[in-house]
C-alpha atoms as a PDB file:
ATOM      1  CA  MET A   1     124.033 129.432 104.967  1.00  0.00           C
ATOM      2  CA  THR A   2     126.004 131.317 107.593  1.00  0.00           C
ATOM      3  CA  GLU A   3     128.084 129.924 110.432  1.00  0.00           C
ATOM      4  CA  THR A   4     125.658 131.307 113.022  1.00  0.00           C
ATOM      5  CA  SER A   5     122.763 129.329 111.506  1.00  0.00           C
ATOM      6  CA  LEU A   6     124.712 126.131 112.248  1.00  0.00           C
ATOM      7  CA  ALA A   7     125.168 126.963 115.933  1.00  0.00           C
ATOM      8  CA  GLY A   8     123.688 124.305 118.192  1.00  0.00           C
ATOM      9  CA  LEU A   9     123.003 121.763 115.434  1.00  0.00           C
ATOM     10  CA  LYS A  10     123.706 118.099 115.999  1.00  0.00           C
ATOM     11  CA  ILE A  11     124.527 116.234 112.803  1.00  0.00           C
ATOM     12  CA  ILE A  12     124.922 112.462 112.802  1.00  0.00           C
ATOM     13  CA  VAL A  13     125.820 110.403 109.734  1.00  0.00           C
ATOM     14  CA  GLY A  14     125.203 106.672 109.595  1.00  0.00           C
ATOM     15  CA  VAL A  15     125.976 104.105 106.919  1.00  0.00           C
ATOM     16  CA  ASN A  16     124.420 100.640 106.987  1.00  0.00           C
ATOM     17  CA  ASN A  17     124.585  98.082 104.159  1.00  0.00           C
ATOM     18  CA  GLY A  18     125.917 100.714 101.774  1.00  0.00           C
ATOM     19  CA  ARG A  19     123.061 103.156 102.435  1.00  0.00           C
ATOM     20  CA  GLY A  20     123.676 106.443 104.170  1.00  0.00           C
ATOM     21  CA  GLN A  21     121.501 108.660 106.341  1.00  0.00           C
ATOM     22  CA  VAL A  22     122.026 111.973 108.039  1.00  0.00           C
ATOM     23  CA  GLY A  23     120.166 112.960 111.195  1.00  0.00           C
ATOM     24  CA  ILE A  24     119.935 116.655 112.064  1.00  0.00           C
ATOM     25  CA  GLN A  25     118.633 118.175 115.281  1.00  0.00           C
ATOM     26  CA  GLY A  26     118.541 121.786 116.382  1.00  0.00           C
ATOM     27  CA  LYS A  27     118.022 123.223 119.844  1.00  0.00           C
ATOM     28  CA  ASP A  28     114.432 122.600 121.073  1.00  0.00           C
ATOM     29  CA  THR A  29     113.482 120.741 117.860  1.00  0.00           C
ATOM     30  CA  ASP A  30     112.742 117.156 116.982  1.00  0.00           C
ATOM     31  CA  PRO A  31     115.357 115.471 114.800  1.00  0.00           C
ATOM     32  CA  MET A  32     114.922 114.977 111.079  1.00  0.00           C
ATOM     33  CA  VAL A  33     116.481 112.119 109.114  1.00  0.00           C
ATOM     34  CA  PHE A  34     117.354 112.237 105.408  1.00  0.00           C
ATOM     35  CA  PRO A  35     118.711 109.574 103.050  1.00  0.00           C
ATOM     36  CA  LEU A  36     122.105 110.280 101.506  1.00  0.00           C
ATOM     37  CA  LYS A  37     122.882 109.631  97.847  1.00  0.00           C
ATOM     38  CA  GLY A  38     126.180 108.126  96.822  1.00  0.00           C
ATOM     39  CA  GLU A  39     128.160 104.923  96.516  1.00  0.00           C
ATOM     40  CA  THR A  40     131.063 105.918  98.753  1.00  0.00           C
ATOM     41  CA  LEU A  41     131.319 107.819 102.027  1.00  0.00           C
ATOM     42  CA  ARG A  42     133.008 110.682 100.167  1.00  0.00           C
ATOM     43  CA  GLU A  43     130.000 110.962  97.811  1.00  0.00           C
ATOM     44  CA  MET A  44     127.530 110.718 100.707  1.00  0.00           C
ATOM     45  CA  MET A  45     129.344 113.461 102.624  1.00  0.00           C
ATOM     46  CA  ASP A  46     129.165 115.906  99.720  1.00  0.00           C
ATOM     47  CA  PRO A  47     128.903 119.364 101.328  1.00  0.00           C
ATOM     48  CA  GLU A  48     126.137 120.453  98.946  1.00  0.00           C
ATOM     49  CA  GLN A  49     124.035 117.408  99.829  1.00  0.00           C
ATOM     50  CA  ILE A  50     124.509 117.872 103.601  1.00  0.00           C
ATOM     51  CA  SER A  51     123.798 121.632 103.282  1.00  0.00           C
ATOM     52  CA  ALA A  52     120.567 120.892 101.407  1.00  0.00           C
ATOM     53  CA  CYS A  53     119.456 118.527 104.202  1.00  0.00           C
ATOM     54  CA  ILE A  54     120.246 121.180 106.844  1.00  0.00           C
ATOM     55  CA  ALA A  55     118.314 123.835 104.894  1.00  0.00           C
ATOM     56  CA  GLN A  56     115.314 121.526 104.512  1.00  0.00           C
ATOM     57  CA  ALA A  57     115.322 120.739 108.252  1.00  0.00           C
ATOM     58  CA  GLN A  58     115.601 124.417 109.215  1.00  0.00           C
ATOM     59  CA  GLU A  59     112.763 125.326 106.860  1.00  0.00           C
ATOM     60  CA  ARG A  60     110.495 122.709 108.455  1.00  0.00           C
ATOM     61  CA  TRP A  61     111.433 123.799 111.977  1.00  0.00           C
ATOM     62  CA  LEU A  62     110.214 127.332 111.189  1.00  0.00           C
ATOM     63  CA  THR A  63     106.641 126.021 110.903  1.00  0.00           C
ATOM     64  CA  ALA A  64     106.775 122.915 113.126  1.00  0.00           C
ATOM     65  CA  PRO A  65     109.802 122.547 115.407  1.00  0.00           C
ATOM     66  CA  LYS A  66     108.261 119.552 117.198  1.00  0.00           C
ATOM     67  CA  ASN A  67     106.296 116.604 115.872  1.00  0.00           C
ATOM     68  CA  ALA A  68     102.698 116.207 117.013  1.00  0.00           C
ATOM     69  CA  LYS A  69     102.394 114.694 120.468  1.00  0.00           C
ATOM     70  CA  TYR A  70     101.374 111.040 120.473  1.00  0.00           C
ATOM     71  CA  GLU A  71      98.053 110.382 122.144  1.00  0.00           C
ATOM     72  CA  ARG A  72      97.653 106.814 123.300  1.00  0.00           C
ATOM     73  CA  PRO A  73      94.277 105.236 122.467  1.00  0.00           C
ATOM     74  CA  ALA A  74      92.122 103.905 125.301  1.00  0.00           C
ATOM     75  CA  PRO A  75      92.983 100.320 126.220  1.00  0.00           C
ATOM     76  CA  PRO A  76      90.536  97.623 125.120  1.00  0.00           C
ATOM     77  CA  PRO A  77      88.291  96.032 127.769  1.00  0.00           C
ATOM     78  CA  PRO A  78      89.856  93.047 129.500  1.00  0.00           C
ATOM     79  CA  ALA A  79      89.255  89.668 127.905  1.00  0.00           C
ATOM     80  CA  PRO A  80      87.372  87.185 130.086  1.00  0.00           C
ATOM     81  CA  SER A  81      89.641  84.747 131.863  1.00  0.00           C
ATOM     82  CA  LYS A  82      88.872  81.543 133.706  1.00  0.00           C
ATOM     83  CA  LYS A  83      88.746  83.520 136.949  1.00  0.00           C
ATOM     84  CA  THR A  84      86.249  86.045 135.557  1.00  0.00           C
ATOM     85  CA  GLU A  85      84.261  83.716 133.281  1.00  0.00           C
ATOM     86  CA  GLY A  86      80.587  83.906 134.219  1.00  0.00           C
ATOM     87  CA  LYS A  87      81.177  86.919 136.472  1.00  0.00           C
ATOM     88  CA  VAL A  88      80.428  90.524 135.667  1.00  0.00           C
ATOM     89  CA  VAL A  89      83.643  92.499 135.183  1.00  0.00           C
ATOM     90  CA  PRO A  90      83.366  96.267 135.774  1.00  0.00           C
ATOM     91  CA  GLY A  91      83.469  98.125 132.478  1.00  0.00           C
ATOM     92  CA  SER A  92      82.483  95.096 130.407  1.00  0.00           C
ATOM     93  CA  VAL A  93      79.247  94.341 128.624  1.00  0.00           C
ATOM     94  CA  THR A  94      77.664  90.922 128.946  1.00  0.00           C
ATOM     95  CA  ARG A  95      74.918  89.510 126.797  1.00  0.00           C
ATOM     96  CA  THR A  96      73.292  86.091 126.818  1.00  0.00           C
ATOM     97  CA  VAL A  97      72.209  84.671 123.486  1.00  0.00           C
ATOM     98  CA  THR A  98      69.734  81.794 123.447  1.00  0.00           C
ATOM     99  CA  GLN A  99      69.401  79.807 120.259  1.00  0.00           C
ATOM    100  CA  ARG A 100      66.690  77.256 119.692  1.00  0.00           C
ATOM    101  CA  VAL A 101      67.862  74.086 118.011  1.00  0.00           C
ATOM    102  CA  GLU A 102      65.284  71.992 116.182  1.00  0.00           C
ATOM    103  CA  PRO A 103      65.931  68.236 116.035  1.00  0.00           C
ATOM    104  CA  LYS A 104      66.658  66.910 112.543  1.00  0.00           C
ATOM    105  CA  LYS A 105      63.852  64.913 110.979  1.00  0.00           C
ATOM    106  CA  PRO A 106      64.597  61.719 109.117  1.00  0.00           C
ATOM    107  CA  PRO A 107      64.198  61.972 105.318  1.00  0.00           C
ATOM    108  CA  GLN A 108      60.759  61.161 103.998  1.00  0.00           C
ATOM    109  CA  LEU A 109      60.301  58.506 101.330  1.00  0.00           C
ATOM    110  CA  GLU A 110      59.131  61.039  98.747  1.00  0.00           C
ATOM    111  CA  GLN A 111      62.120  63.259  99.469  1.00  0.00           C
ATOM    112  CA  LYS A 112      64.990  62.738  97.032  1.00  0.00           C
ATOM    113  CA  THR A 113      68.416  62.232  98.553  1.00  0.00           C
ATOM    114  CA  MET A 114      71.609  63.687  97.197  1.00  0.00           C
ATOM    115  CA  PHE A 115      73.338  60.304  96.911  1.00  0.00           C
END
């Protein structure tokens, strides 16, 4: 890796609860984050390990410098509220369901009971 290939890179190292990460971002690219191996900061900051992360990021940026753009899904229809209950809300679908309920008949003498 040459010095010119490092021009414009932002490299951030973070350690939390004994685990290290390195974030790398180039000009006009989305950042990439990699875990770092090692027990101590000196081991995590091993030049070979950091160089490998930079090389991996640069390789990915050759094919996809930016992540895919997020497309927000359409919002769900509004839930009926007390103000709109019974009213037709634009964009909503209403359906009335009628169910016939038969009265229960008393058991017949010939019919066996469960108890």
